[in-house]
PDB file of all heavy atoms in Angstrom:
ATOM      1  N   ALA A   1     -18.661  -0.485 -12.772  1.00  0.00           N
ATOM      2  CA  ALA A   1     -18.718   0.619 -11.822  1.00  0.00           C
ATOM      3  C   ALA A   1     -20.137   1.149 -11.688  1.00  0.00           C
ATOM      4  O   ALA A   1     -20.905   1.168 -12.653  1.00  0.00           O
ATOM      5  CB  ALA A   1     -17.788   1.746 -12.253  1.00  0.00           C
ATOM      6  N   SER A   2     -20.465   1.596 -10.494  1.00  0.00           N
ATOM      7  CA  SER A   2     -21.740   2.235 -10.250  1.00  0.00           C
ATOM      8  C   SER A   2     -21.552   3.366  -9.253  1.00  0.00           C
ATOM      9  O   SER A   2     -20.578   3.394  -8.506  1.00  0.00           O
ATOM     10  CB  SER A   2     -22.778   1.232  -9.733  1.00  0.00           C
ATOM     11  OG  SER A   2     -22.362   0.668  -8.501  1.00  0.00           O
ATOM     12  N   GLY A   3     -22.477   4.307  -9.255  1.00  0.00           N
ATOM     13  CA  GLY A   3     -22.413   5.414  -8.323  1.00  0.00           C
ATOM     14  C   GLY A   3     -21.453   6.519  -8.710  1.00  0.00           C
ATOM     15  O   GLY A   3     -21.128   7.373  -7.874  1.00  0.00           O
ATOM     16  N   ILE A   4     -21.000   6.524  -9.944  1.00  0.00           N
ATOM     17  CA  ILE A   4     -20.057   7.526 -10.422  1.00  0.00           C
ATOM     18  C   ILE A   4     -20.383   7.924 -11.850  1.00  0.00           C
ATOM     19  O   ILE A   4     -21.123   7.226 -12.544  1.00  0.00           O
ATOM     20  CB  ILE A   4     -18.602   7.022 -10.384  1.00  0.00           C
ATOM     21  CG1 ILE A   4     -18.478   5.758 -11.241  1.00  0.00           C
ATOM     22  CG2 ILE A   4     -18.127   6.787  -8.963  1.00  0.00           C
ATOM     23  CD1 ILE A   4     -17.066   5.408 -11.621  1.00  0.00           C
ATOM     24  N   ILE A   5     -19.817   9.055 -12.248  1.00  0.00           N
ATOM     25  CA  ILE A   5     -19.801   9.395 -13.664  1.00  0.00           C
ATOM     26  C   ILE A   5     -18.536   8.764 -14.211  1.00  0.00           C
ATOM     27  O   ILE A   5     -17.440   9.317 -14.125  1.00  0.00           O
ATOM     28  CB  ILE A   5     -19.819  10.909 -13.883  1.00  0.00           C
ATOM     29  CG1 ILE A   5     -21.036  11.530 -13.205  1.00  0.00           C
ATOM     30  CG2 ILE A   5     -19.819  11.226 -15.381  1.00  0.00           C
ATOM     31  CD1 ILE A   5     -21.052  13.043 -13.251  1.00  0.00           C
ATOM     32  N   PHE A   6     -18.677   7.594 -14.763  1.00  0.00           N
ATOM     33  CA  PHE A   6     -17.570   6.736 -15.142  1.00  0.00           C
ATOM     34  C   PHE A   6     -16.581   7.408 -16.086  1.00  0.00           C
ATOM     35  O   PHE A   6     -15.361   7.252 -15.945  1.00  0.00           O
ATOM     36  CB  PHE A   6     -18.151   5.464 -15.774  1.00  0.00           C
ATOM     37  CG  PHE A   6     -17.150   4.434 -16.163  1.00  0.00           C
ATOM     38  CD1 PHE A   6     -16.660   3.542 -15.229  1.00  0.00           C
ATOM     39  CD2 PHE A   6     -16.712   4.336 -17.478  1.00  0.00           C
ATOM     40  CE1 PHE A   6     -15.751   2.566 -15.592  1.00  0.00           C
ATOM     41  CE2 PHE A   6     -15.804   3.367 -17.849  1.00  0.00           C
ATOM     42  CZ  PHE A   6     -15.323   2.480 -16.896  1.00  0.00           C
ATOM     43  N   SER A   7     -17.099   8.161 -17.029  1.00  0.00           N
ATOM     44  CA  SER A   7     -16.284   8.677 -18.120  1.00  0.00           C
ATOM     45  C   SER A   7     -15.247   9.716 -17.711  1.00  0.00           C
ATOM     46  O   SER A   7     -14.344  10.010 -18.494  1.00  0.00           O
ATOM     47  CB  SER A   7     -17.181   9.266 -19.212  1.00  0.00           C
ATOM     48  OG  SER A   7     -17.944  10.343 -18.712  1.00  0.00           O
ATOM     49  N   ILE A   8     -15.341  10.267 -16.515  1.00  0.00           N
ATOM     50  CA  ILE A   8     -14.432  11.337 -16.113  1.00  0.00           C
ATOM     51  C   ILE A   8     -13.246  10.846 -15.283  1.00  0.00           C
ATOM     52  O   ILE A   8     -12.441  11.655 -14.813  1.00  0.00           O
ATOM     53  CB  ILE A   8     -15.158  12.448 -15.336  1.00  0.00           C
ATOM     54  CG1 ILE A   8     -15.649  11.960 -13.977  1.00  0.00           C
ATOM     55  CG2 ILE A   8     -16.323  12.995 -16.162  1.00  0.00           C
ATOM     56  CD1 ILE A   8     -16.209  13.066 -13.102  1.00  0.00           C
ATOM     57  N   TYR A   9     -13.112   9.538 -15.122  1.00  0.00           N
ATOM     58  CA  TYR A   9     -12.047   8.994 -14.293  1.00  0.00           C
ATOM     59  C   TYR A   9     -11.042   8.170 -15.087  1.00  0.00           C
ATOM     60  O   TYR A   9     -11.414   7.353 -15.931  1.00  0.00           O
ATOM     61  CB  TYR A   9     -12.614   8.096 -13.200  1.00  0.00           C
ATOM     62  CG  TYR A   9     -13.403   8.832 -12.153  1.00  0.00           C
ATOM     63  CD1 TYR A   9     -14.785   8.908 -12.239  1.00  0.00           C
ATOM     64  CD2 TYR A   9     -12.761   9.444 -11.085  1.00  0.00           C
ATOM     65  CE1 TYR A   9     -15.517   9.592 -11.276  1.00  0.00           C
ATOM     66  CE2 TYR A   9     -13.490  10.126 -10.120  1.00  0.00           C
ATOM     67  CZ  TYR A   9     -14.864  10.193 -10.226  1.00  0.00           C
ATOM     68  OH  TYR A   9     -15.586  10.864  -9.268  1.00  0.00           O
ATOM     69  N   ASN A  10      -9.768   8.378 -14.778  1.00  0.00           N
ATOM     70  CA  ASN A  10      -8.756   7.422 -15.198  1.00  0.00           C
ATOM     71  C   ASN A  10      -8.943   6.141 -14.382  1.00  0.00           C
ATOM     72  O   ASN A  10      -9.377   6.183 -13.232  1.00  0.00           O
ATOM     73  CB  ASN A  10      -7.351   7.964 -14.950  1.00  0.00           C
ATOM     74  CG  ASN A  10      -7.066   9.209 -15.753  1.00  0.00           C
ATOM     75  OD1 ASN A  10      -7.646   9.434 -16.813  1.00  0.00           O
ATOM     76  ND2 ASN A  10      -6.151  10.021 -15.254  1.00  0.00           N
ATOM     77  N   MET A  11      -8.601   5.011 -14.963  1.00  0.00           N
ATOM     78  CA  MET A  11      -8.793   3.742 -14.286  1.00  0.00           C
ATOM     79  C   MET A  11      -7.604   2.824 -14.529  1.00  0.00           C
ATOM     80  O   MET A  11      -6.761   3.096 -15.390  1.00  0.00           O
ATOM     81  CB  MET A  11     -10.073   3.052 -14.757  1.00  0.00           C
ATOM     82  CG  MET A  11     -11.331   3.855 -14.524  1.00  0.00           C
ATOM     83  SD  MET A  11     -12.831   2.932 -14.923  1.00  0.00           S
ATOM     84  CE  MET A  11     -12.867   1.760 -13.556  1.00  0.00           C
ATOM     85  N   GLY A  12      -7.557   1.748 -13.771  1.00  0.00           N
ATOM     86  CA  GLY A  12      -6.466   0.814 -13.960  1.00  0.00           C
ATOM     87  C   GLY A  12      -6.728  -0.544 -13.363  1.00  0.00           C
ATOM     88  O   GLY A  12      -7.663  -0.740 -12.581  1.00  0.00           O
ATOM     89  N   TRP A  13      -5.883  -1.484 -13.761  1.00  0.00           N
ATOM     90  CA  TRP A  13      -5.856  -2.819 -13.189  1.00  0.00           C
ATOM     91  C   TRP A  13      -4.551  -3.014 -12.441  1.00  0.00           C
ATOM     92  O   TRP A  13      -3.480  -2.670 -12.957  1.00  0.00           O
ATOM     93  CB  TRP A  13      -5.975  -3.890 -14.268  1.00  0.00           C
ATOM     94  CG  TRP A  13      -7.336  -4.024 -14.871  1.00  0.00           C
ATOM     95  CD1 TRP A  13      -7.773  -3.498 -16.046  1.00  0.00           C
ATOM     96  CD2 TRP A  13      -8.442  -4.743 -14.318  1.00  0.00           C
ATOM     97  NE1 TRP A  13      -9.074  -3.840 -16.277  1.00  0.00           N
ATOM     98  CE2 TRP A  13      -9.517  -4.606 -15.232  1.00  0.00           C
ATOM     99  CE3 TRP A  13      -8.631  -5.493 -13.165  1.00  0.00           C
ATOM    100  CZ2 TRP A  13     -10.762  -5.196 -15.007  1.00  0.00           C
ATOM    101  CZ3 TRP A  13      -9.869  -6.066 -12.943  1.00  0.00           C
ATOM    102  CH2 TRP A  13     -10.917  -5.915 -13.856  1.00  0.00           C
ATOM    103  N   TYR A  14      -4.650  -3.571 -11.251  1.00  0.00           N
ATOM    104  CA  TYR A  14      -3.503  -3.911 -10.429  1.00  0.00           C
ATOM    105  C   TYR A  14      -3.632  -5.361 -10.009  1.00  0.00           C
ATOM    106  O   TYR A  14      -4.712  -5.946 -10.072  1.00  0.00           O
ATOM    107  CB  TYR A  14      -3.435  -3.017  -9.188  1.00  0.00           C
ATOM    108  CG  TYR A  14      -3.144  -1.567  -9.489  1.00  0.00           C
ATOM    109  CD1 TYR A  14      -4.098  -0.753 -10.093  1.00  0.00           C
ATOM    110  CD2 TYR A  14      -1.912  -1.005  -9.157  1.00  0.00           C
ATOM    111  CE1 TYR A  14      -3.835   0.582 -10.371  1.00  0.00           C
ATOM    112  CE2 TYR A  14      -1.641   0.327  -9.427  1.00  0.00           C
ATOM    113  CZ  TYR A  14      -2.606   1.108 -10.031  1.00  0.00           C
ATOM    114  OH  TYR A  14      -2.333   2.437 -10.297  1.00  0.00           O
ATOM    115  N   ARG A  15      -2.527  -5.951  -9.582  1.00  0.00           N
ATOM    116  CA  ARG A  15      -2.598  -7.327  -9.116  1.00  0.00           C
ATOM    117  C   ARG A  15      -1.680  -7.527  -7.916  1.00  0.00           C
ATOM    118  O   ARG A  15      -0.704  -6.811  -7.729  1.00  0.00           O
ATOM    119  CB  ARG A  15      -2.230  -8.314 -10.225  1.00  0.00           C
ATOM    120  CG  ARG A  15      -0.783  -8.258 -10.677  1.00  0.00           C
ATOM    121  CD  ARG A  15      -0.571  -9.146 -11.892  1.00  0.00           C
ATOM    122  NE  ARG A  15       0.813  -9.156 -12.333  1.00  0.00           N
ATOM    123  CZ  ARG A  15       1.240  -9.740 -13.442  1.00  0.00           C
ATOM    124  NH1 ARG A  15       0.369 -10.374 -14.240  1.00  0.00           N
ATOM    125  NH2 ARG A  15       2.518  -9.699 -13.765  1.00  0.00           N
ATOM    126  N   GLN A  16      -2.018  -8.526  -7.121  1.00  0.00           N
ATOM    127  CA  GLN A  16      -1.232  -8.849  -5.946  1.00  0.00           C
ATOM    128  C   GLN A  16      -1.159 -10.362  -5.786  1.00  0.00           C
ATOM    129  O   GLN A  16      -2.182 -11.031  -5.640  1.00  0.00           O
ATOM    130  CB  GLN A  16      -1.827  -8.221  -4.690  1.00  0.00           C
ATOM    131  CG  GLN A  16      -0.964  -8.384  -3.454  1.00  0.00           C
ATOM    132  CD  GLN A  16      -1.432  -7.517  -2.304  1.00  0.00           C
ATOM    133  OE1 GLN A  16      -2.593  -7.128  -2.237  1.00  0.00           O
ATOM    134  NE2 GLN A  16      -0.521  -7.208  -1.401  1.00  0.00           N
ATOM    135  N   ALA A  17       0.048 -10.870  -5.826  1.00  0.00           N
ATOM    136  CA  ALA A  17       0.292 -12.281  -5.593  1.00  0.00           C
ATOM    137  C   ALA A  17       0.584 -12.498  -4.113  1.00  0.00           C
ATOM    138  O   ALA A  17       1.020 -11.570  -3.418  1.00  0.00           O
ATOM    139  CB  ALA A  17       1.463 -12.764  -6.441  1.00  0.00           C
ATOM    140  N   PRO A  18       0.363 -13.707  -3.600  1.00  0.00           N
ATOM    141  CA  PRO A  18       0.639 -13.980  -2.191  1.00  0.00           C
ATOM    142  C   PRO A  18       2.074 -13.634  -1.815  1.00  0.00           C
ATOM    143  O   PRO A  18       3.011 -14.019  -2.511  1.00  0.00           O
ATOM    144  CB  PRO A  18       0.388 -15.484  -2.066  1.00  0.00           C
ATOM    145  CG  PRO A  18      -0.597 -15.783  -3.143  1.00  0.00           C
ATOM    146  CD  PRO A  18      -0.204 -14.884  -4.280  1.00  0.00           C
ATOM    147  N   GLY A  19       2.233 -12.880  -0.728  1.00  0.00           N
ATOM    148  CA  GLY A  19       3.553 -12.512  -0.258  1.00  0.00           C
ATOM    149  C   GLY A  19       4.234 -11.408  -1.032  1.00  0.00           C
ATOM    150  O   GLY A  19       5.393 -11.092  -0.753  1.00  0.00           O
ATOM    151  N   LYS A  20       3.550 -10.810  -1.992  1.00  0.00           N
ATOM    152  CA  LYS A  20       4.131  -9.752  -2.797  1.00  0.00           C
ATOM    153  C   LYS A  20       3.284  -8.483  -2.705  1.00  0.00           C
ATOM    154  O   LYS A  20       2.117  -8.524  -2.329  1.00  0.00           O
ATOM    155  CB  LYS A  20       4.259 -10.178  -4.259  1.00  0.00           C
ATOM    156  CG  LYS A  20       5.105 -11.416  -4.479  1.00  0.00           C
ATOM    157  CD  LYS A  20       5.331 -11.686  -5.952  1.00  0.00           C
ATOM    158  CE  LYS A  20       6.234 -10.634  -6.569  1.00  0.00           C
ATOM    159  NZ  LYS A  20       6.559 -10.948  -7.991  1.00  0.00           N
ATOM    160  N   GLN A  21       3.886  -7.359  -3.054  1.00  0.00           N
ATOM    161  CA  GLN A  21       3.168  -6.098  -3.035  1.00  0.00           C
ATOM    162  C   GLN A  21       2.244  -5.983  -4.240  1.00  0.00           C
ATOM    163  O   GLN A  21       2.446  -6.641  -5.261  1.00  0.00           O
ATOM    164  CB  GLN A  21       4.151  -4.923  -3.012  1.00  0.00           C
ATOM    165  CG  GLN A  21       4.982  -4.778  -4.266  1.00  0.00           C
ATOM    166  CD  GLN A  21       5.943  -3.608  -4.204  1.00  0.00           C
ATOM    167  OE1 GLN A  21       5.938  -2.837  -3.251  1.00  0.00           O
ATOM    168  NE2 GLN A  21       6.769  -3.467  -5.220  1.00  0.00           N
ATOM    169  N   ARG A  22       1.245  -5.143  -4.084  1.00  0.00           N
ATOM    170  CA  ARG A  22       0.356  -4.883  -5.202  1.00  0.00           C
ATOM    171  C   ARG A  22       1.113  -4.113  -6.286  1.00  0.00           C
ATOM    172  O   ARG A  22       1.853  -3.174  -5.996  1.00  0.00           O
ATOM    173  CB  ARG A  22      -0.856  -4.081  -4.731  1.00  0.00           C
ATOM    174  CG  ARG A  22      -1.919  -3.887  -5.794  1.00  0.00           C
ATOM    175  CD  ARG A  22      -3.167  -3.221  -5.219  1.00  0.00           C
ATOM    176  NE  ARG A  22      -3.781  -4.025  -4.179  1.00  0.00           N
ATOM    177  CZ  ARG A  22      -4.921  -3.729  -3.579  1.00  0.00           C
ATOM    178  NH1 ARG A  22      -5.587  -2.630  -3.919  1.00  0.00           N
ATOM    179  NH2 ARG A  22      -5.393  -4.518  -2.630  1.00  0.00           N
ATOM    180  N   GLU A  23       0.927  -4.517  -7.531  1.00  0.00           N
ATOM    181  CA  GLU A  23       1.642  -3.888  -8.622  1.00  0.00           C
ATOM    182  C   GLU A  23       0.697  -3.452  -9.732  1.00  0.00           C
ATOM    183  O   GLU A  23      -0.350  -4.059  -9.963  1.00  0.00           O
ATOM    184  CB  GLU A  23       2.703  -4.829  -9.197  1.00  0.00           C
ATOM    185  CG  GLU A  23       2.143  -6.076  -9.849  1.00  0.00           C
ATOM    186  CD  GLU A  23       3.205  -6.948 -10.497  1.00  0.00           C
ATOM    187  OE1 GLU A  23       4.382  -6.529 -10.540  1.00  0.00           O
ATOM    188  OE2 GLU A  23       2.865  -8.057 -10.954  1.00  0.00           O
ATOM    189  N   LEU A  24       1.103  -2.412 -10.409  1.00  0.00           N
ATOM    190  CA  LEU A  24       0.350  -1.907 -11.546  1.00  0.00           C
ATOM    191  C   LEU A  24       0.447  -2.882 -12.708  1.00  0.00           C
ATOM    192  O   LEU A  24       1.531  -3.358 -13.044  1.00  0.00           O
ATOM    193  CB  LEU A  24       0.890  -0.542 -11.967  1.00  0.00           C
ATOM    194  CG  LEU A  24       0.335   0.040 -13.266  1.00  0.00           C
ATOM    195  CD1 LEU A  24      -1.132   0.402 -13.106  1.00  0.00           C
ATOM    196  CD2 LEU A  24       1.150   1.260 -13.678  1.00  0.00           C
ATOM    197  N   VAL A  25      -0.677  -3.165 -13.322  1.00  0.00           N
ATOM    198  CA  VAL A  25      -0.722  -3.985 -14.523  1.00  0.00           C
ATOM    199  C   VAL A  25      -0.928  -3.114 -15.754  1.00  0.00           C
ATOM    200  O   VAL A  25      -0.186  -3.196 -16.733  1.00  0.00           O
ATOM    201  CB  VAL A  25      -1.830  -5.046 -14.439  1.00  0.00           C
ATOM    202  CG1 VAL A  25      -1.939  -5.830 -15.742  1.00  0.00           C
ATOM    203  CG2 VAL A  25      -1.570  -5.989 -13.265  1.00  0.00           C
ATOM    204  N   ALA A  26      -1.949  -2.273 -15.712  1.00  0.00           N
ATOM    205  CA  ALA A  26      -2.269  -1.407 -16.835  1.00  0.00           C
ATOM    206  C   ALA A  26      -3.156  -0.270 -16.367  1.00  0.00           C
ATOM    207  O   ALA A  26      -3.896  -0.411 -15.394  1.00  0.00           O
ATOM    208  CB  ALA A  26      -2.976  -2.189 -17.945  1.00  0.00           C
ATOM    209  N   ARG A  27      -3.076   0.868 -17.069  1.00  0.00           N
ATOM    210  CA  ARG A  27      -3.961   1.978 -16.787  1.00  0.00           C
ATOM    211  C   ARG A  27      -4.523   2.523 -18.088  1.00  0.00           C
ATOM    212  O   ARG A  27      -3.918   2.390 -19.152  1.00  0.00           O
ATOM    213  CB  ARG A  27      -3.249   3.099 -16.019  1.00  0.00           C
ATOM    214  CG  ARG A  27      -2.950   2.752 -14.574  1.00  0.00           C
ATOM    215  CD  ARG A  27      -2.595   3.984 -13.751  1.00  0.00           C
ATOM    216  NE  ARG A  27      -3.728   4.880 -13.556  1.00  0.00           N
ATOM    217  CZ  ARG A  27      -4.695   4.713 -12.640  1.00  0.00           C
ATOM    218  NH1 ARG A  27      -4.664   3.671 -11.819  1.00  0.00           N
ATOM    219  NH2 ARG A  27      -5.678   5.590 -12.543  1.00  0.00           N
ATOM    220  N   ILE A  28      -5.691   3.149 -17.977  1.00  0.00           N
ATOM    221  CA  ILE A  28      -6.332   3.772 -19.123  1.00  0.00           C
ATOM    222  C   ILE A  28      -6.921   5.103 -18.690  1.00  0.00           C
ATOM    223  O   ILE A  28      -7.567   5.212 -17.649  1.00  0.00           O
ATOM    224  CB  ILE A  28      -7.401   2.832 -19.732  1.00  0.00           C
ATOM    225  CG1 ILE A  28      -7.987   3.443 -21.003  1.00  0.00           C
ATOM    226  CG2 ILE A  28      -8.485   2.487 -18.711  1.00  0.00           C
ATOM    227  CD1 ILE A  28      -8.775   2.431 -21.834  1.00  0.00           C
ATOM    228  N   THR A  29      -6.686   6.129 -19.484  1.00  0.00           N
ATOM    229  CA  THR A  29      -7.149   7.463 -19.145  1.00  0.00           C
ATOM    230  C   THR A  29      -8.570   7.689 -19.632  1.00  0.00           C
ATOM    231  O   THR A  29      -9.157   6.857 -20.324  1.00  0.00           O
ATOM    232  CB  THR A  29      -6.242   8.538 -19.749  1.00  0.00           C
ATOM    233  OG1 THR A  29      -6.398   8.552 -21.171  1.00  0.00           O
ATOM    234  CG2 THR A  29      -4.783   8.281 -19.396  1.00  0.00           C
ATOM    235  N   THR A  30      -9.101   8.854 -19.286  1.00  0.00           N
ATOM    236  CA  THR A  30     -10.438   9.215 -19.730  1.00  0.00           C
ATOM    237  C   THR A  30     -10.536   9.304 -21.245  1.00  0.00           C
ATOM    238  O   THR A  30     -11.613   9.096 -21.803  1.00  0.00           O
ATOM    239  CB  THR A  30     -10.867  10.553 -19.117  1.00  0.00           C
ATOM    240  OG1 THR A  30      -9.920  11.570 -19.465  1.00  0.00           O
ATOM    241  CG2 THR A  30     -10.951  10.445 -17.599  1.00  0.00           C
ATOM    242  N   SER A  31      -9.429   9.615 -21.888  1.00  0.00           N
ATOM    243  CA  SER A  31      -9.411   9.744 -23.333  1.00  0.00           C
ATOM    244  C   SER A  31      -9.030   8.458 -24.058  1.00  0.00           C
ATOM    245  O   SER A  31      -8.981   8.426 -25.282  1.00  0.00           O
ATOM    246  CB  SER A  31      -8.457  10.862 -23.758  1.00  0.00           C
ATOM    247  OG  SER A  31      -7.140  10.587 -23.346  1.00  0.00           O
ATOM    248  N   GLY A  32      -8.736   7.407 -23.287  1.00  0.00           N
ATOM    249  CA  GLY A  32      -8.437   6.127 -23.891  1.00  0.00           C
ATOM    250  C   GLY A  32      -6.969   5.799 -24.050  1.00  0.00           C
ATOM    251  O   GLY A  32      -6.635   4.739 -24.599  1.00  0.00           O
ATOM    252  N   SER A  33      -6.085   6.669 -23.585  1.00  0.00           N
ATOM    253  CA  SER A  33      -4.661   6.358 -23.629  1.00  0.00           C
ATOM    254  C   SER A  33      -4.348   5.242 -22.651  1.00  0.00           C
ATOM    255  O   SER A  33      -4.900   5.194 -21.553  1.00  0.00           O
ATOM    256  CB  SER A  33      -3.829   7.590 -23.295  1.00  0.00           C
ATOM    257  OG  SER A  33      -4.012   8.607 -24.261  1.00  0.00           O
ATOM    258  N   THR A  34      -3.451   4.353 -23.032  1.00  0.00           N
ATOM    259  CA  THR A  34      -3.139   3.189 -22.206  1.00  0.00           C
ATOM    260  C   THR A  34      -1.659   3.096 -21.905  1.00  0.00           C
ATOM    261  O   THR A  34      -0.818   3.610 -22.646  1.00  0.00           O
ATOM    262  CB  THR A  34      -3.592   1.897 -22.892  1.00  0.00           C
ATOM    263  OG1 THR A  34      -2.919   1.769 -24.152  1.00  0.00           O
ATOM    264  CG2 THR A  34      -5.094   1.902 -23.126  1.00  0.00           C
ATOM    265  N   MET A  35      -1.347   2.428 -20.809  1.00  0.00           N
ATOM    266  CA  MET A  35       0.020   2.102 -20.469  1.00  0.00           C
ATOM    267  C   MET A  35       0.022   0.754 -19.763  1.00  0.00           C
ATOM    268  O   MET A  35      -0.959   0.378 -19.126  1.00  0.00           O
ATOM    269  CB  MET A  35       0.675   3.186 -19.601  1.00  0.00           C
ATOM    270  CG  MET A  35       0.035   3.407 -18.238  1.00  0.00           C
ATOM    271  SD  MET A  35       0.671   2.286 -16.953  1.00  0.00           S
ATOM    272  CE  MET A  35       2.367   2.840 -16.851  1.00  0.00           C
ATOM    273  N   TYR A  36       1.149   0.032 -19.887  1.00  0.00           N
ATOM    274  CA  TYR A  36       1.241  -1.323 -19.367  1.00  0.00           C
ATOM    275  C   TYR A  36       2.545  -1.555 -18.638  1.00  0.00           C
ATOM    276  O   TYR A  36       3.579  -0.980 -18.980  1.00  0.00           O
ATOM    277  CB  TYR A  36       1.161  -2.340 -20.505  1.00  0.00           C
ATOM    278  CG  TYR A  36      -0.126  -2.297 -21.281  1.00  0.00           C
ATOM    279  CD1 TYR A  36      -0.267  -1.455 -22.385  1.00  0.00           C
ATOM    280  CD2 TYR A  36      -1.203  -3.092 -20.912  1.00  0.00           C
ATOM    281  CE1 TYR A  36      -1.453  -1.409 -23.095  1.00  0.00           C
ATOM    282  CE2 TYR A  36      -2.389  -3.052 -21.626  1.00  0.00           C
ATOM    283  CZ  TYR A  36      -2.509  -2.210 -22.713  1.00  0.00           C
ATOM    284  OH  TYR A  36      -3.690  -2.173 -23.421  1.00  0.00           O
ATOM    285  N   ALA A  37       2.482  -2.418 -17.648  1.00  0.00           N
ATOM    286  CA  ALA A  37       3.704  -2.896 -17.035  1.00  0.00           C
ATOM    287  C   ALA A  37       4.492  -3.707 -18.064  1.00  0.00           C
ATOM    288  O   ALA A  37       3.912  -4.374 -18.919  1.00  0.00           O
ATOM    289  CB  ALA A  37       3.389  -3.767 -15.822  1.00  0.00           C
ATOM    290  N   ASP A  38       5.809  -3.638 -17.972  1.00  0.00           N
ATOM    291  CA  ASP A  38       6.646  -4.366 -18.921  1.00  0.00           C
ATOM    292  C   ASP A  38       6.331  -5.859 -18.944  1.00  0.00           C
ATOM    293  O   ASP A  38       6.419  -6.505 -19.990  1.00  0.00           O
ATOM    294  CB  ASP A  38       8.123  -4.163 -18.588  1.00  0.00           C
ATOM    295  CG  ASP A  38       8.611  -2.768 -18.917  1.00  0.00           C
ATOM    296  OD1 ASP A  38       7.952  -2.060 -19.697  1.00  0.00           O
ATOM    297  OD2 ASP A  38       9.674  -2.382 -18.390  1.00  0.00           O
ATOM    298  N   SER A  39       5.959  -6.403 -17.810  1.00  0.00           N
ATOM    299  CA  SER A  39       5.725  -7.832 -17.698  1.00  0.00           C
ATOM    300  C   SER A  39       4.515  -8.323 -18.485  1.00  0.00           C
ATOM    301  O   SER A  39       4.402  -9.521 -18.753  1.00  0.00           O
ATOM    302  CB  SER A  39       5.560  -8.223 -16.228  1.00  0.00           C
ATOM    303  OG  SER A  39       4.485  -7.521 -15.634  1.00  0.00           O
ATOM    304  N   VAL A  40       3.618  -7.412 -18.862  1.00  0.00           N
ATOM    305  CA  VAL A  40       2.403  -7.823 -19.568  1.00  0.00           C
ATOM    306  C   VAL A  40       2.283  -7.221 -20.959  1.00  0.00           C
ATOM    307  O   VAL A  40       1.334  -7.552 -21.684  1.00  0.00           O
ATOM    308  CB  VAL A  40       1.136  -7.498 -18.755  1.00  0.00           C
ATOM    309  CG1 VAL A  40       1.232  -8.079 -17.356  1.00  0.00           C
ATOM    310  CG2 VAL A  40       0.887  -5.993 -18.703  1.00  0.00           C
TER     311      VAL A  40
END
């Protein structure tokens, strides 16, 4: 990331397969807490 104060934002990874909707894979908060989709 650039152009931001990185540490103050929650972030995440999402994925999209052909013909399917974008889905949440994992997220991480500013404090380091994590959550994951059941599939991963």
